[in-house]
């Protein structure tokens, strides 16, 4: 996980609320990591560390799929009212409505970034 401005802000809020040592303890990561993430000394969070940090940070993260580790995807889908059994998710119209609603929740700069990422995948 790249430390985006959203992730950094969530880290800062968690450290403010709990302190670096407690964030590390709750996440099951090395004591020095929260400080390195917040200071910018480390730009990437390993998948294993992100799985531990996500539950600690999620209250301050945008409610978008990009931040959800695979380990928590089923719970995220259930929270959104989407099936987790591999069945077709929803009719195309409902899916389009959902995507539009979530897209409009993003800040304009995040919208541009997401569109650029999607275009780069084509």
C-alpha atoms as a PDB file:
ATOM      1  CA  UNK A   1       0.000   0.000   0.000  1.00  0.00           C
ATOM      2  CA  UNK A   2       1.386   3.349  -1.043  1.00  0.00           C
ATOM      3  CA  UNK A   3       1.114   5.982   1.677  1.00  0.00           C
ATOM      4  CA  UNK A   4      -1.334   8.341   0.010  1.00  0.00           C
ATOM      5  CA  UNK A   5      -2.418  11.625   1.597  1.00  0.00           C
ATOM      6  CA  UNK A   6      -5.550   9.806   2.863  1.00  0.00           C
ATOM      7  CA  UNK A   7      -3.473   7.059   4.479  1.00  0.00           C
ATOM      8  CA  UNK A   8      -1.050   9.554   5.995  1.00  0.00           C
ATOM      9  CA  UNK A   9      -3.925  11.606   7.450  1.00  0.00           C
ATOM     10  CA  UNK A  10      -5.494   8.459   8.928  1.00  0.00           C
ATOM     11  CA  UNK A  11      -2.137   7.467  10.421  1.00  0.00           C
ATOM     12  CA  UNK A  12      -1.703  10.912  11.939  1.00  0.00           C
ATOM     13  CA  UNK A  13      -5.182  10.790  13.485  1.00  0.00           C
ATOM     14  CA  UNK A  14      -4.604   7.295  14.878  1.00  0.00           C
ATOM     15  CA  UNK A  15      -1.262   8.319  16.369  1.00  0.00           C
ATOM     16  CA  UNK A  16      -2.888  11.426  17.821  1.00  0.00           C
ATOM     17  CA  UNK A  17      -5.655   9.333  19.397  1.00  0.00           C
ATOM     18  CA  UNK A  18      -3.656   6.281  20.541  1.00  0.00           C
ATOM     19  CA  UNK A  19       0.042   7.189  20.362  1.00  0.00           C
ATOM     20  CA  UNK A  20       2.631   5.463  18.145  1.00  0.00           C
ATOM     21  CA  UNK A  21       3.226   2.556  20.513  1.00  0.00           C
ATOM     22  CA  UNK A  22      -0.474   1.713  20.832  1.00  0.00           C
ATOM     23  CA  UNK A  23      -1.035   1.964  17.055  1.00  0.00           C
ATOM     24  CA  UNK A  24       1.852  -0.460  16.545  1.00  0.00           C
ATOM     25  CA  UNK A  25       0.502  -2.798  19.226  1.00  0.00           C
ATOM     26  CA  UNK A  26      -3.063  -2.754  17.857  1.00  0.00           C
ATOM     27  CA  UNK A  27      -1.772  -3.355  14.315  1.00  0.00           C
ATOM     28  CA  UNK A  28       0.732  -6.032  15.327  1.00  0.00           C
ATOM     29  CA  UNK A  29       3.605  -4.184  13.652  1.00  0.00           C
ATOM     30  CA  UNK A  30       7.070  -3.086  14.773  1.00  0.00           C
ATOM     31  CA  UNK A  31       7.060  -0.198  17.239  1.00  0.00           C
ATOM     32  CA  UNK A  32       9.043   2.075  14.892  1.00  0.00           C
ATOM     33  CA  UNK A  33       6.778   1.690  11.855  1.00  0.00           C
ATOM     34  CA  UNK A  34       3.988   4.201  12.666  1.00  0.00           C
ATOM     35  CA  UNK A  35       6.572   6.948  13.139  1.00  0.00           C
ATOM     36  CA  UNK A  36       8.305   6.080   9.866  1.00  0.00           C
ATOM     37  CA  UNK A  37       4.989   6.101   8.000  1.00  0.00           C
ATOM     38  CA  UNK A  38       3.895   9.459   9.444  1.00  0.00           C
ATOM     39  CA  UNK A  39       7.290  11.123   8.938  1.00  0.00           C
ATOM     40  CA  UNK A  40       7.532   9.989   5.321  1.00  0.00           C
ATOM     41  CA  UNK A  41      10.735   7.971   5.895  1.00  0.00           C
ATOM     42  CA  UNK A  42       8.817   4.992   4.546  1.00  0.00           C
ATOM     43  CA  UNK A  43       6.638   5.468   1.446  1.00  0.00           C
ATOM     44  CA  UNK A  44       5.121   1.980   1.239  1.00  0.00           C
ATOM     45  CA  UNK A  45       3.336  -0.227   3.763  1.00  0.00           C
ATOM     46  CA  UNK A  46       3.798  -3.962   3.284  1.00  0.00           C
ATOM     47  CA  UNK A  47       0.667  -6.043   2.676  1.00  0.00           C
ATOM     48  CA  UNK A  48       1.114  -7.765   6.042  1.00  0.00           C
ATOM     49  CA  UNK A  49       1.441  -4.445   7.890  1.00  0.00           C
ATOM     50  CA  UNK A  50      -1.513  -2.973   5.984  1.00  0.00           C
ATOM     51  CA  UNK A  51      -3.710  -5.898   7.039  1.00  0.00           C
ATOM     52  CA  UNK A  52      -2.885  -5.049  10.639  1.00  0.00           C
ATOM     53  CA  UNK A  53      -3.200  -1.281  10.238  1.00  0.00           C
ATOM     54  CA  UNK A  54      -6.451  -1.213   8.266  1.00  0.00           C
ATOM     55  CA  UNK A  55      -8.746  -2.029  11.233  1.00  0.00           C
ATOM     56  CA  UNK A  56      -6.988   0.662  13.294  1.00  0.00           C
ATOM     57  CA  UNK A  57      -7.197   3.313  10.563  1.00  0.00           C
ATOM     58  CA  UNK A  58     -10.459   2.552   8.779  1.00  0.00           C
ATOM     59  CA  UNK A  59     -12.539   5.068  10.748  1.00  0.00           C
ATOM     60  CA  UNK A  60     -10.433   7.848   9.174  1.00  0.00           C
ATOM     61  CA  UNK A  61     -10.110   6.388   5.658  1.00  0.00           C
ATOM     62  CA  UNK A  62     -12.450   7.099   2.743  1.00  0.00           C
ATOM     63  CA  UNK A  63     -15.020   4.325   2.369  1.00  0.00           C
ATOM     64  CA  UNK A  64     -13.672   3.158  -0.999  1.00  0.00           C
ATOM     65  CA  UNK A  65     -12.466  -0.243  -2.101  1.00  0.00           C
ATOM     66  CA  UNK A  66      -8.905   0.878  -2.846  1.00  0.00           C
ATOM     67  CA  UNK A  67      -8.030   0.824   0.853  1.00  0.00           C
ATOM     68  CA  UNK A  68      -9.574  -2.550   1.743  1.00  0.00           C
ATOM     69  CA  UNK A  69      -7.064  -5.414   2.132  1.00  0.00           C
ATOM     70  CA  UNK A  70      -8.118  -8.725   0.566  1.00  0.00           C
ATOM     71  CA  UNK A  71      -8.475 -10.204   4.053  1.00  0.00           C
ATOM     72  CA  UNK A  72     -11.337  -7.785   4.800  1.00  0.00           C
ATOM     73  CA  UNK A  73     -12.982  -7.707   1.356  1.00  0.00           C
ATOM     74  CA  UNK A  74     -15.909 -10.018   2.216  1.00  0.00           C
ATOM     75  CA  UNK A  75     -16.829  -7.887   5.230  1.00  0.00           C
ATOM     76  CA  UNK A  76     -16.574  -4.730   3.104  1.00  0.00           C
ATOM     77  CA  UNK A  77     -18.826  -6.232   0.419  1.00  0.00           C
ATOM     78  CA  UNK A  78     -21.387  -7.292   3.039  1.00  0.00           C
ATOM     79  CA  UNK A  79     -21.335  -3.786   4.524  1.00  0.00           C
ATOM     80  CA  UNK A  80     -22.172  -2.432   1.057  1.00  0.00           C
ATOM     81  CA  UNK A  81     -24.949  -4.996   0.590  1.00  0.00           C
ATOM     82  CA  UNK A  82     -23.092  -6.859  -2.156  1.00  0.00           C
ATOM     83  CA  UNK A  83     -22.824 -10.669  -2.444  1.00  0.00           C
ATOM     84  CA  UNK A  84     -19.637 -12.447  -1.371  1.00  0.00           C
ATOM     85  CA  UNK A  85     -20.341 -15.880  -2.866  1.00  0.00           C
ATOM     86  CA  UNK A  86     -19.169 -15.160  -6.415  1.00  0.00           C
ATOM     87  CA  UNK A  87     -22.694 -14.747  -7.745  1.00  0.00           C
ATOM     88  CA  UNK A  88     -23.332 -11.891 -10.150  1.00  0.00           C
ATOM     89  CA  UNK A  89     -22.954  -8.784  -8.079  1.00  0.00           C
ATOM     90  CA  UNK A  90     -25.900  -6.669  -9.161  1.00  0.00           C
ATOM     91  CA  UNK A  91     -27.655  -5.696 -12.377  1.00  0.00           C
ATOM     92  CA  UNK A  92     -25.575  -3.301 -14.474  1.00  0.00           C
ATOM     93  CA  UNK A  93     -27.877  -0.370 -13.715  1.00  0.00           C
ATOM     94  CA  UNK A  94     -27.567  -0.799  -9.959  1.00  0.00           C
ATOM     95  CA  UNK A  95     -23.807  -1.229 -10.230  1.00  0.00           C
ATOM     96  CA  UNK A  96     -23.556   1.953 -12.329  1.00  0.00           C
ATOM     97  CA  UNK A  97     -25.577   3.853  -9.702  1.00  0.00           C
ATOM     98  CA  UNK A  98     -23.298   2.566  -6.947  1.00  0.00           C
ATOM     99  CA  UNK A  99     -20.116   3.495  -8.849  1.00  0.00           C
ATOM    100  CA  UNK A 100     -21.468   6.969  -9.597  1.00  0.00           C
ATOM    101  CA  UNK A 101     -22.466   7.539  -5.960  1.00  0.00           C
ATOM    102  CA  UNK A 102     -19.066   6.412  -4.652  1.00  0.00           C
ATOM    103  CA  UNK A 103     -17.210   8.386  -7.333  1.00  0.00           C
ATOM    104  CA  UNK A 104     -19.052  11.582  -6.407  1.00  0.00           C
ATOM    105  CA  UNK A 105     -18.073  11.121  -2.753  1.00  0.00           C
ATOM    106  CA  UNK A 106     -14.417  11.485  -3.716  1.00  0.00           C
ATOM    107  CA  UNK A 107     -12.626  14.806  -3.623  1.00  0.00           C
ATOM    108  CA  UNK A 108     -12.124  16.288  -7.122  1.00  0.00           C
ATOM    109  CA  UNK A 109      -8.374  15.584  -7.045  1.00  0.00           C
ATOM    110  CA  UNK A 110      -9.062  11.943  -6.129  1.00  0.00           C
ATOM    111  CA  UNK A 111     -11.568  11.704  -8.976  1.00  0.00           C
ATOM    112  CA  UNK A 112      -8.937  12.886 -11.451  1.00  0.00           C
ATOM    113  CA  UNK A 113      -6.425  10.430 -10.052  1.00  0.00           C
ATOM    114  CA  UNK A 114      -8.885   7.546 -10.297  1.00  0.00           C
ATOM    115  CA  UNK A 115      -9.809   8.415 -13.885  1.00  0.00           C
ATOM    116  CA  UNK A 116      -6.112   8.591 -14.799  1.00  0.00           C
ATOM    117  CA  UNK A 117      -5.533   5.171 -13.203  1.00  0.00           C
ATOM    118  CA  UNK A 118      -8.465   3.691 -15.104  1.00  0.00           C
ATOM    119  CA  UNK A 119      -7.263   5.152 -18.398  1.00  0.00           C
ATOM    120  CA  UNK A 120      -3.777   3.768 -17.793  1.00  0.00           C
ATOM    121  CA  UNK A 121      -5.288   0.276 -17.437  1.00  0.00           C
ATOM    122  CA  UNK A 122      -6.828   0.410 -20.933  1.00  0.00           C
END
